[in-house]
Amino acid sequence: MIIAPPRSNPETARRVAIVAGVAAAHAGVFALVANSAPPPPAALPIPPVFVELIRPRVPPPPPPPPPPVDPAEKTGGGAPAAPSRIHRPPDPPPEKAELPAPPVPAPKPELIVGAAPIASSTPGMGQGGVGTGTGTGTGAGSGPGRGLRSGPRNIRQPGPAQVRRYHPREALARQLSGTGIVRCQIRLDTRLDRCAVVSESPAGQGFGQAAVAVAEQEYRFRPAMIDGQPDDSVTVVVTIRFGPPEEPVG
């Protein structure tokens, strides 16, 4: 099979001719420039460079320190310093040594109660006695004189167990003993009446009022007698001791 060559286009041929002409023009310009450019200048000689090395200066080492100087024997100045004072608290007081308990306890004191025969400003202690007295009078009718006289007589007194029933409750709980002294009027039926507290020890623990109750409830006195007749004007002083209780009272 025979292929026929393509048919040339007049427009295409014209374009190719223009491109070829432009390329030839550029080549001519480049050749002209290359031929007309001056040759490059020759390299100038470089002068030598001299370098001087200098050794650095090192400072000399510092001198050694001076040797220590011994202190002078005598120092100058003013007066010597005051001595130091140390403040310490005072020593506590020594503790009191406890007394050792006795090997055998002391016997309990016996409860003693009694009454004085005649009232006085000074309270009496212990069991009262009984005495007699006489008096005389003159003149008509009844005079100031009195006949045969006998003092009051204690006919009943309580024992320790009976007195313990009247022990003040607070003092009983604290195992506290005490004493009460009272002055009472003797009634004709032998009972004590209108009792008043003379003193109590220790004070403020109720032993005075407890002694009043014991005297009015448990004591019996025969009143004083004058010419065989009872005299209810005589008072009696009673001392009552409340010993330490052995067991609680119900």
C-alpha atoms as a PDB file:
ATOM      1  CA  MET A   1       0.000   0.000   0.000  1.00  0.00           C
ATOM      2  CA  ILE A   2       1.488   3.282  -0.988  1.00  0.00           C
ATOM      3  CA  ILE A   3       0.816   6.255   1.295  1.00  0.00           C
ATOM      4  CA  ALA A   4       0.826   9.533  -0.492  1.00  0.00           C
ATOM      5  CA  PRO A   5       2.582  12.482   1.273  1.00  0.00           C
ATOM      6  CA  PRO A   6       0.358  15.031   2.816  1.00  0.00           C
ATOM      7  CA  ARG A   7      -0.470  18.084   0.889  1.00  0.00           C
ATOM      8  CA  SER A   8       1.413  21.203   2.028  1.00  0.00           C
ATOM      9  CA  ASN A   9      -0.623  24.015   3.468  1.00  0.00           C
ATOM     10  CA  PRO A  10       0.554  27.466   2.335  1.00  0.00           C
ATOM     11  CA  GLU A  11      -0.255  29.092   5.714  1.00  0.00           C
ATOM     12  CA  THR A  12       1.754  26.560   7.658  1.00  0.00           C
ATOM     13  CA  ALA A  13       4.733  26.972   5.403  1.00  0.00           C
ATOM     14  CA  ARG A  14       4.632  30.719   5.914  1.00  0.00           C
ATOM     15  CA  ARG A  15       4.646  30.345   9.749  1.00  0.00           C
ATOM     16  CA  VAL A  16       7.582  27.961   9.655  1.00  0.00           C
ATOM     17  CA  ALA A  17       9.545  30.385   7.535  1.00  0.00           C
ATOM     18  CA  ILE A  18       8.863  33.246  10.042  1.00  0.00           C
ATOM     19  CA  VAL A  19      10.028  31.142  13.035  1.00  0.00           C
ATOM     20  CA  ALA A  20      13.190  30.116  11.182  1.00  0.00           C
ATOM     21  CA  GLY A  21      13.971  33.713  10.332  1.00  0.00           C
ATOM     22  CA  VAL A  22      13.542  34.926  13.933  1.00  0.00           C
ATOM     23  CA  ALA A  23      15.808  32.133  15.216  1.00  0.00           C
ATOM     24  CA  ALA A  24      18.501  33.047  12.726  1.00  0.00           C
ATOM     25  CA  ALA A  25      18.302  36.708  13.735  1.00  0.00           C
ATOM     26  CA  HIS A  26      18.768  35.861  17.419  1.00  0.00           C
ATOM     27  CA  ALA A  27      21.743  33.652  16.631  1.00  0.00           C
ATOM     28  CA  GLY A  28      23.374  36.470  14.729  1.00  0.00           C
ATOM     29  CA  VAL A  29      22.862  38.929  17.590  1.00  0.00           C
ATOM     30  CA  PHE A  30      24.399  36.522  20.101  1.00  0.00           C
ATOM     31  CA  ALA A  31      27.425  35.962  17.836  1.00  0.00           C
ATOM     32  CA  LEU A  32      27.941  39.706  17.369  1.00  0.00           C
ATOM     33  CA  VAL A  33      27.786  40.347  21.108  1.00  0.00           C
ATOM     34  CA  ALA A  34      30.181  37.557  21.853  1.00  0.00           C
ATOM     35  CA  ASN A  35      32.723  38.890  19.408  1.00  0.00           C
ATOM     36  CA  SER A  36      32.473  42.531  20.460  1.00  0.00           C
ATOM     37  CA  ALA A  37      32.666  41.931  24.322  1.00  0.00           C
ATOM     38  CA  PRO A  38      36.109  42.919  25.828  1.00  0.00           C
ATOM     39  CA  PRO A  39      38.158  40.119  27.404  1.00  0.00           C
ATOM     40  CA  PRO A  40      37.902  39.773  31.166  1.00  0.00           C
ATOM     41  CA  PRO A  41      40.561  41.707  33.139  1.00  0.00           C
ATOM     42  CA  ALA A  42      43.570  39.831  34.379  1.00  0.00           C
ATOM     43  CA  ALA A  43      43.636  38.860  38.066  1.00  0.00           C
ATOM     44  CA  LEU A  44      45.549  41.314  40.264  1.00  0.00           C
ATOM     45  CA  PRO A  45      48.342  39.920  42.447  1.00  0.00           C
ATOM     46  CA  ILE A  46      47.372  39.489  46.181  1.00  0.00           C
ATOM     47  CA  PRO A  47      49.950  40.970  48.594  1.00  0.00           C
ATOM     48  CA  PRO A  48      51.103  38.642  51.414  1.00  0.00           C
ATOM     49  CA  VAL A  49      49.588  39.045  54.890  1.00  0.00           C
ATOM     50  CA  PHE A  50      51.959  38.898  57.896  1.00  0.00           C
ATOM     51  CA  VAL A  51      50.477  37.786  61.310  1.00  0.00           C
ATOM     52  CA  GLU A  52      52.371  38.465  64.577  1.00  0.00           C
ATOM     53  CA  LEU A  53      51.538  36.210  67.518  1.00  0.00           C
ATOM     54  CA  ILE A  54      51.866  37.908  70.958  1.00  0.00           C
ATOM     55  CA  ARG A  55      52.057  35.829  74.161  1.00  0.00           C
ATOM     56  CA  PRO A  56      49.450  37.068  76.691  1.00  0.00           C
ATOM     57  CA  ARG A  57      50.746  38.554  79.913  1.00  0.00           C
ATOM     58  CA  VAL A  58      49.871  36.462  82.966  1.00  0.00           C
ATOM     59  CA  PRO A  59      49.610  38.477  86.280  1.00  0.00           C
ATOM     60  CA  PRO A  60      51.937  37.283  89.016  1.00  0.00           C
ATOM     61  CA  PRO A  61      50.338  35.195  91.822  1.00  0.00           C
ATOM     62  CA  PRO A  62      49.248  37.118  94.973  1.00  0.00           C
ATOM     63  CA  PRO A  63      51.626  37.105  97.919  1.00  0.00           C
ATOM     64  CA  PRO A  64      50.886  34.544 100.721  1.00  0.00           C
ATOM     65  CA  PRO A  65      48.886  35.816 103.716  1.00  0.00           C
ATOM     66  CA  PRO A  66      50.836  36.983 106.739  1.00  0.00           C
ATOM     67  CA  PRO A  67      51.218  34.510 109.628  1.00  0.00           C
ATOM     68  CA  PRO A  68      48.695  34.846 112.536  1.00  0.00           C
ATOM     69  CA  VAL A  69      49.678  37.223 115.294  1.00  0.00           C
ATOM     70  CA  ASP A  70      49.567  35.939 118.886  1.00  0.00           C
ATOM     71  CA  PRO A  71      47.073  37.880 121.070  1.00  0.00           C
ATOM     72  CA  ALA A  72      48.520  40.332 123.479  1.00  0.00           C
ATOM     73  CA  GLU A  73      48.623  39.291 127.116  1.00  0.00           C
ATOM     74  CA  LYS A  74      46.961  42.476 128.285  1.00  0.00           C
ATOM     75  CA  THR A  75      44.097  43.957 126.379  1.00  0.00           C
ATOM     76  CA  GLY A  76      43.369  47.610 126.464  1.00  0.00           C
ATOM     77  CA  GLY A  77      39.974  49.253 126.905  1.00  0.00           C
ATOM     78  CA  GLY A  78      37.680  50.012 129.794  1.00  0.00           C
ATOM     79  CA  ALA A  79      36.532  47.892 132.752  1.00  0.00           C
ATOM     80  CA  PRO A  80      36.046  44.127 132.328  1.00  0.00           C
ATOM     81  CA  ALA A  81      32.610  42.833 131.385  1.00  0.00           C
ATOM     82  CA  ALA A  82      30.177  42.026 134.183  1.00  0.00           C
ATOM     83  CA  PRO A  83      29.753  38.339 134.992  1.00  0.00           C
ATOM     84  CA  SER A  84      26.756  36.584 133.463  1.00  0.00           C
ATOM     85  CA  ARG A  85      23.689  36.061 135.654  1.00  0.00           C
ATOM     86  CA  ILE A  86      21.393  33.099 135.188  1.00  0.00           C
ATOM     87  CA  HIS A  87      17.828  33.555 136.462  1.00  0.00           C
ATOM     88  CA  ARG A  88      16.256  30.331 137.694  1.00  0.00           C
ATOM     89  CA  PRO A  89      12.852  29.871 139.300  1.00  0.00           C
ATOM     90  CA  PRO A  90      12.779  29.266 143.044  1.00  0.00           C
ATOM     91  CA  ASP A  91      12.848  25.688 144.196  1.00  0.00           C
ATOM     92  CA  PRO A  92       9.427  24.249 145.089  1.00  0.00           C
ATOM     93  CA  PRO A  93       8.745  23.787 148.798  1.00  0.00           C
ATOM     94  CA  PRO A  94       9.582  20.320 150.084  1.00  0.00           C
ATOM     95  CA  GLU A  95       6.681  17.941 150.309  1.00  0.00           C
ATOM     96  CA  LYS A  96       5.469  17.139 153.777  1.00  0.00           C
ATOM     97  CA  ALA A  97       6.117  13.574 154.723  1.00  0.00           C
ATOM     98  CA  GLU A  98       3.008  11.626 155.580  1.00  0.00           C
ATOM     99  CA  LEU A  99       2.800  10.428 159.138  1.00  0.00           C
ATOM    100  CA  PRO A 100       2.744   6.661 159.361  1.00  0.00           C
ATOM    101  CA  ALA A 101      -0.416   5.135 160.748  1.00  0.00           C
ATOM    102  CA  PRO A 102      -0.096   3.759 164.283  1.00  0.00           C
ATOM    103  CA  PRO A 103       0.130  -0.025 164.453  1.00  0.00           C
ATOM    104  CA  VAL A 104      -2.797  -0.144 166.890  1.00  0.00           C
ATOM    105  CA  PRO A 105      -5.679   2.359 166.466  1.00  0.00           C
ATOM    106  CA  ALA A 106      -6.545   4.508 169.450  1.00  0.00           C
ATOM    107  CA  PRO A 107      -9.696   3.488 171.306  1.00  0.00           C
ATOM    108  CA  LYS A 108     -12.830   5.453 170.539  1.00  0.00           C
ATOM    109  CA  PRO A 109     -13.733   8.043 173.202  1.00  0.00           C
ATOM    110  CA  GLU A 110     -16.637   7.121 175.409  1.00  0.00           C
ATOM    111  CA  LEU A 111     -19.789   9.172 174.909  1.00  0.00           C
ATOM    112  CA  ILE A 112     -20.343  11.218 178.088  1.00  0.00           C
ATOM    113  CA  VAL A 113     -23.477  13.245 178.641  1.00  0.00           C
ATOM    114  CA  GLY A 114     -24.625  15.139 181.673  1.00  0.00           C
ATOM    115  CA  ALA A 115     -26.259  18.261 183.057  1.00  0.00           C
ATOM    116  CA  ALA A 116     -25.276  20.924 185.559  1.00  0.00           C
ATOM    117  CA  PRO A 117     -27.614  21.337 188.556  1.00  0.00           C
ATOM    118  CA  ILE A 118     -27.898  25.110 188.290  1.00  0.00           C
ATOM    119  CA  ALA A 119     -27.882  27.271 185.159  1.00  0.00           C
ATOM    120  CA  SER A 120     -24.940  29.640 184.693  1.00  0.00           C
ATOM    121  CA  SER A 121     -23.564  31.964 182.045  1.00  0.00           C
ATOM    122  CA  THR A 122     -20.668  29.568 181.401  1.00  0.00           C
ATOM    123  CA  PRO A 123     -21.591  26.205 179.829  1.00  0.00           C
ATOM    124  CA  GLY A 124     -20.614  23.260 181.962  1.00  0.00           C
ATOM    125  CA  MET A 125     -19.150  19.928 180.898  1.00  0.00           C
ATOM    126  CA  GLY A 126     -19.704  16.433 182.237  1.00  0.00           C
ATOM    127  CA  GLN A 127     -22.243  14.871 184.591  1.00  0.00           C
ATOM    128  CA  GLY A 128     -23.955  17.274 186.991  1.00  0.00           C
ATOM    129  CA  GLY A 129     -24.434  16.569 190.707  1.00  0.00           C
ATOM    130  CA  VAL A 130     -27.258  17.005 193.166  1.00  0.00           C
ATOM    131  CA  GLY A 131     -27.027  19.280 196.213  1.00  0.00           C
ATOM    132  CA  THR A 132     -29.202  20.672 199.007  1.00  0.00           C
ATOM    133  CA  GLY A 133     -29.754  24.183 200.290  1.00  0.00           C
ATOM    134  CA  THR A 134     -31.527  25.965 203.129  1.00  0.00           C
ATOM    135  CA  GLY A 135     -33.061  29.397 203.568  1.00  0.00           C
ATOM    136  CA  THR A 136     -34.704  31.440 206.303  1.00  0.00           C
ATOM    137  CA  GLY A 137     -37.273  34.215 206.420  1.00  0.00           C
ATOM    138  CA  THR A 138     -38.877  36.465 209.021  1.00  0.00           C
ATOM    139  CA  GLY A 139     -42.004  38.553 209.282  1.00  0.00           C
ATOM    140  CA  ALA A 140     -45.661  37.967 208.966  1.00  0.00           C
ATOM    141  CA  GLY A 141     -47.022  36.305 205.869  1.00  0.00           C
ATOM    142  CA  SER A 142     -44.840  34.971 203.083  1.00  0.00           C
ATOM    143  CA  GLY A 143     -41.336  36.384 203.078  1.00  0.00           C
ATOM    144  CA  PRO A 144     -38.388  36.114 200.658  1.00  0.00           C
ATOM    145  CA  GLY A 145     -36.825  33.211 202.491  1.00  0.00           C
ATOM    146  CA  ARG A 146     -37.032  29.660 201.141  1.00  0.00           C
ATOM    147  CA  GLY A 147     -37.002  26.431 203.025  1.00  0.00           C
ATOM    148  CA  LEU A 148     -35.369  23.054 202.241  1.00  0.00           C
ATOM    149  CA  ARG A 149     -34.202  22.916 198.635  1.00  0.00           C
ATOM    150  CA  SER A 150     -32.921  20.170 196.357  1.00  0.00           C
ATOM    151  CA  GLY A 151     -31.535  20.603 192.820  1.00  0.00           C
ATOM    152  CA  PRO A 152     -32.785  18.900 189.639  1.00  0.00           C
ATOM    153  CA  ARG A 153     -31.883  15.289 189.155  1.00  0.00           C
ATOM    154  CA  ASN A 154     -31.150  13.435 185.954  1.00  0.00           C
ATOM    155  CA  ILE A 155     -33.324  10.340 185.900  1.00  0.00           C
ATOM    156  CA  ARG A 156     -32.878   9.289 182.231  1.00  0.00           C
ATOM    157  CA  GLN A 157     -30.289   9.958 179.569  1.00  0.00           C
ATOM    158  CA  PRO A 158     -29.741   8.382 176.141  1.00  0.00           C
ATOM    159  CA  GLY A 159     -26.935   6.002 175.269  1.00  0.00           C
ATOM    160  CA  PRO A 160     -24.597   6.263 172.246  1.00  0.00           C
ATOM    161  CA  ALA A 161     -26.947   4.290 169.984  1.00  0.00           C
ATOM    162  CA  GLN A 162     -29.885   6.597 170.800  1.00  0.00           C
ATOM    163  CA  VAL A 163     -27.801   9.749 170.303  1.00  0.00           C
ATOM    164  CA  ARG A 164     -26.557   8.406 166.955  1.00  0.00           C
ATOM    165  CA  ARG A 165     -30.125   8.480 165.597  1.00  0.00           C
ATOM    166  CA  TYR A 166     -30.057  12.293 165.839  1.00  0.00           C
ATOM    167  CA  HIS A 167     -26.627  12.689 164.200  1.00  0.00           C
ATOM    168  CA  PRO A 168     -26.891  15.349 161.404  1.00  0.00           C
ATOM    169  CA  ARG A 169     -27.230  13.597 158.044  1.00  0.00           C
ATOM    170  CA  GLU A 170     -24.512  15.542 156.221  1.00  0.00           C
ATOM    171  CA  ALA A 171     -22.059  15.140 159.100  1.00  0.00           C
ATOM    172  CA  LEU A 172     -22.954  11.449 159.281  1.00  0.00           C
ATOM    173  CA  ALA A 173     -22.155  10.985 155.580  1.00  0.00           C
ATOM    174  CA  ARG A 174     -18.772  12.690 156.086  1.00  0.00           C
ATOM    175  CA  GLN A 175     -17.995  10.663 159.246  1.00  0.00           C
ATOM    176  CA  LEU A 176     -17.816  13.954 161.194  1.00  0.00           C
ATOM    177  CA  SER A 177     -18.241  14.048 164.993  1.00  0.00           C
ATOM    178  CA  GLY A 178     -19.240  17.100 167.053  1.00  0.00           C
ATOM    179  CA  THR A 179     -20.709  18.534 170.251  1.00  0.00           C
ATOM    180  CA  GLY A 180     -23.834  20.522 171.086  1.00  0.00           C
ATOM    181  CA  ILE A 181     -24.557  22.382 174.372  1.00  0.00           C
ATOM    182  CA  VAL A 182     -28.145  23.467 175.138  1.00  0.00           C
ATOM    183  CA  ARG A 183     -29.981  25.121 178.045  1.00  0.00           C
ATOM    184  CA  CYS A 184     -33.511  23.820 178.823  1.00  0.00           C
ATOM    185  CA  GLN A 185     -36.383  24.402 181.225  1.00  0.00           C
ATOM    186  CA  ILE A 186     -37.443  21.398 183.361  1.00  0.00           C
ATOM    187  CA  ARG A 187     -41.159  20.760 183.251  1.00  0.00           C
ATOM    188  CA  LEU A 188     -43.078  19.217 186.114  1.00  0.00           C
ATOM    189  CA  ASP A 189     -43.548  16.018 184.061  1.00  0.00           C
ATOM    190  CA  THR A 190     -39.702  15.617 183.980  1.00  0.00           C
ATOM    191  CA  ARG A 191     -39.377  16.531 180.278  1.00  0.00           C
ATOM    192  CA  LEU A 192     -37.082  19.308 179.028  1.00  0.00           C
ATOM    193  CA  ASP A 193     -38.728  22.233 177.275  1.00  0.00           C
ATOM    194  CA  ARG A 194     -37.813  25.529 175.609  1.00  0.00           C
ATOM    195  CA  CYS A 195     -34.269  24.378 174.854  1.00  0.00           C
ATOM    196  CA  ALA A 196     -31.873  26.911 173.303  1.00  0.00           C
ATOM    197  CA  VAL A 197     -28.448  26.313 171.738  1.00  0.00           C
ATOM    198  CA  VAL A 198     -25.588  27.615 173.871  1.00  0.00           C
ATOM    199  CA  SER A 199     -22.777  26.505 171.517  1.00  0.00           C
ATOM    200  CA  GLU A 200     -21.890  23.878 168.922  1.00  0.00           C
ATOM    201  CA  SER A 201     -18.640  22.517 167.584  1.00  0.00           C
ATOM    202  CA  PRO A 202     -17.817  22.503 164.741  1.00  0.00           C
ATOM    203  CA  ALA A 203     -20.070  25.421 163.911  1.00  0.00           C
ATOM    204  CA  GLY A 204     -22.508  25.305 161.020  1.00  0.00           C
ATOM    205  CA  GLN A 205     -22.798  21.494 160.880  1.00  0.00           C
ATOM    206  CA  GLY A 206     -26.197  21.154 162.630  1.00  0.00           C
ATOM    207  CA  PHE A 207     -24.957  19.732 165.946  1.00  0.00           C
ATOM    208  CA  GLY A 208     -26.700  22.474 167.975  1.00  0.00           C
ATOM    209  CA  GLN A 209     -30.209  21.686 166.666  1.00  0.00           C
ATOM    210  CA  ALA A 210     -29.491  17.963 166.911  1.00  0.00           C
ATOM    211  CA  ALA A 211     -28.616  18.434 170.611  1.00  0.00           C
ATOM    212  CA  VAL A 212     -31.937  20.290 171.151  1.00  0.00           C
ATOM    213  CA  ALA A 213     -33.829  17.311 169.696  1.00  0.00           C
ATOM    214  CA  VAL A 214     -31.913  14.821 171.868  1.00  0.00           C
ATOM    215  CA  ALA A 215     -32.512  16.865 175.040  1.00  0.00           C
ATOM    216  CA  GLU A 216     -36.247  17.312 174.456  1.00  0.00           C
ATOM    217  CA  GLN A 217     -36.927  13.729 173.329  1.00  0.00           C
ATOM    218  CA  GLU A 218     -34.525  11.538 175.291  1.00  0.00           C
ATOM    219  CA  TYR A 219     -33.673  13.305 178.571  1.00  0.00           C
ATOM    220  CA  ARG A 220     -35.743  13.214 181.744  1.00  0.00           C
ATOM    221  CA  PHE A 221     -35.017  15.360 184.804  1.00  0.00           C
ATOM    222  CA  ARG A 222     -36.714  15.505 188.144  1.00  0.00           C
ATOM    223  CA  PRO A 223     -37.269  19.223 188.820  1.00  0.00           C
ATOM    224  CA  ALA A 224     -35.752  21.056 191.752  1.00  0.00           C
ATOM    225  CA  MET A 225     -37.657  20.769 195.027  1.00  0.00           C
ATOM    226  CA  ILE A 226     -38.299  23.492 197.605  1.00  0.00           C
ATOM    227  CA  ASP A 227     -39.906  22.409 200.847  1.00  0.00           C
ATOM    228  CA  GLY A 228     -41.105  19.254 199.107  1.00  0.00           C
ATOM    229  CA  GLN A 229     -42.688  21.166 196.192  1.00  0.00           C
ATOM    230  CA  PRO A 230     -41.341  21.020 192.609  1.00  0.00           C
ATOM    231  CA  ASP A 231     -39.841  24.234 191.257  1.00  0.00           C
ATOM    232  CA  ASP A 232     -40.086  24.607 187.461  1.00  0.00           C
ATOM    233  CA  SER A 233     -38.112  27.864 187.373  1.00  0.00           C
ATOM    234  CA  VAL A 234     -34.740  26.113 187.367  1.00  0.00           C
ATOM    235  CA  THR A 235     -32.986  25.516 184.037  1.00  0.00           C
ATOM    236  CA  VAL A 236     -30.422  22.885 183.225  1.00  0.00           C
ATOM    237  CA  VAL A 237     -27.468  22.879 180.776  1.00  0.00           C
ATOM    238  CA  VAL A 238     -26.967  19.660 178.821  1.00  0.00           C
ATOM    239  CA  THR A 239     -23.834  18.754 176.846  1.00  0.00           C
ATOM    240  CA  ILE A 240     -24.301  16.126 174.118  1.00  0.00           C
ATOM    241  CA  ARG A 241     -21.434  14.651 172.152  1.00  0.00           C
ATOM    242  CA  PHE A 242     -21.975  13.026 168.768  1.00  0.00           C
ATOM    243  CA  GLY A 243     -19.198  10.505 168.319  1.00  0.00           C
ATOM    244  CA  PRO A 244     -17.983   9.084 165.009  1.00  0.00           C
ATOM    245  CA  PRO A 245     -20.709   6.806 163.640  1.00  0.00           C
ATOM    246  CA  GLU A 246     -19.838   3.136 163.333  1.00  0.00           C
ATOM    247  CA  GLU A 247     -22.495   2.307 160.743  1.00  0.00           C
ATOM    248  CA  PRO A 248     -25.095   4.285 158.766  1.00  0.00           C
ATOM    249  CA  VAL A 249     -28.317   4.997 160.602  1.00  0.00           C
ATOM    250  CA  GLY A 250     -31.497   4.044 158.696  1.00  0.00           C
END
